[in-house]
Amino acid sequence: MADRAKEEVLEDDEDQEEEDVAVERLDSWFLYVHVREKTITVSCGDASQRIKWLAHVAIGIFHPNI
């Protein structure tokens, strides 16, 4: 009986870990930036950066030699 209770607790812990991973994935923002004729996907993490940062990243991806 005690072994069965331990197994249920272990299963609950595994379920909780899966939920935590799902929550972490939701915390990452992806924005689509349009630069001239190209659409660029930028990963913004928790989206705490400024719009200026987003513009710099998009231009850097669009034209890497600048």
Protein backbone atom coordinates (compact mmCIF):
# COMPACT_ATOMS: atom_id res chain seq x y z
CA MET A 1 0.00 0.00 0.00
CA ALA A 2 2.81 2.44 0.86
CA ASP A 3 4.58 1.57 -2.40
CA ARG A 4 1.48 2.47 -4.38
CA ALA A 5 1.27 5.84 -2.60
CA LYS A 6 4.93 6.53 -3.47
CA GLU A 7 4.25 5.70 -7.13
CA GLU A 8 1.32 8.13 -7.19
CA VAL A 9 3.46 10.87 -5.65
CA LEU A 10 6.19 10.24 -8.24
CA GLU A 11 3.63 10.44 -11.06
CA ASP A 12 2.29 13.71 -9.63
CA ASP A 13 5.84 15.12 -9.53
CA GLU A 14 6.38 14.16 -13.18
CA ASP A 15 3.10 15.83 -14.14
CA GLN A 16 4.13 18.98 -12.27
CA GLU A 17 7.50 19.06 -14.08
CA GLU A 18 5.72 18.79 -17.44
CA GLU A 19 3.43 21.68 -16.46
CA ASP A 20 6.44 23.78 -15.39
CA VAL A 21 8.10 23.21 -18.76
CA ALA A 22 4.90 24.25 -20.54
CA VAL A 23 4.75 27.45 -18.50
CA GLU A 24 8.37 28.26 -19.35
CA ARG A 25 7.63 27.87 -23.05
CA LEU A 26 4.73 30.31 -22.78
CA ASP A 27 7.00 32.95 -21.27
CA SER A 28 8.93 33.39 -24.52
CA TRP A 29 7.57 35.91 -27.02
CA PHE A 30 8.14 35.68 -30.76
CA LEU A 31 7.44 38.76 -32.86
CA TYR A 32 7.23 39.02 -36.63
CA VAL A 33 9.05 42.10 -37.87
CA HIS A 34 8.54 43.36 -41.43
CA VAL A 35 11.62 44.95 -43.01
CA ARG A 36 11.03 45.94 -46.63
CA GLU A 37 9.93 42.75 -48.43
CA LYS A 38 11.11 40.33 -45.72
CA THR A 39 9.37 39.07 -42.56
CA ILE A 40 11.76 38.20 -39.73
CA THR A 41 10.87 36.20 -36.63
CA VAL A 42 12.59 37.55 -33.51
CA SER A 43 12.62 35.71 -30.18
CA CYS A 44 12.13 38.34 -27.48
CA GLY A 45 12.28 36.20 -24.34
CA ASP A 46 10.01 37.75 -21.72
CA ALA A 47 9.49 40.85 -23.91
CA SER A 48 11.19 43.24 -21.50
CA GLN A 49 13.29 44.86 -24.25
CA ARG A 50 12.44 48.18 -25.88
CA ILE A 51 11.15 48.66 -29.41
CA LYS A 52 14.51 50.21 -30.35
CA TRP A 53 16.18 46.89 -29.45
CA LEU A 54 13.74 45.04 -31.69
CA ALA A 55 14.49 47.40 -34.58
CA HIS A 56 18.25 46.92 -34.14
CA VAL A 57 17.91 43.13 -34.10
CA ALA A 58 15.63 43.08 -37.16
CA ILE A 59 17.96 45.34 -39.17
CA GLY A 60 20.94 43.25 -38.06
CA ILE A 61 19.27 40.09 -39.33
CA PHE A 62 18.03 41.77 -42.54
CA HIS A 63 21.38 43.33 -43.41
CA PRO A 64 24.18 41.55 -41.44
CA ASN A 65 27.00 43.69 -42.92
CA ILE A 66 25.88 46.90 -41.18
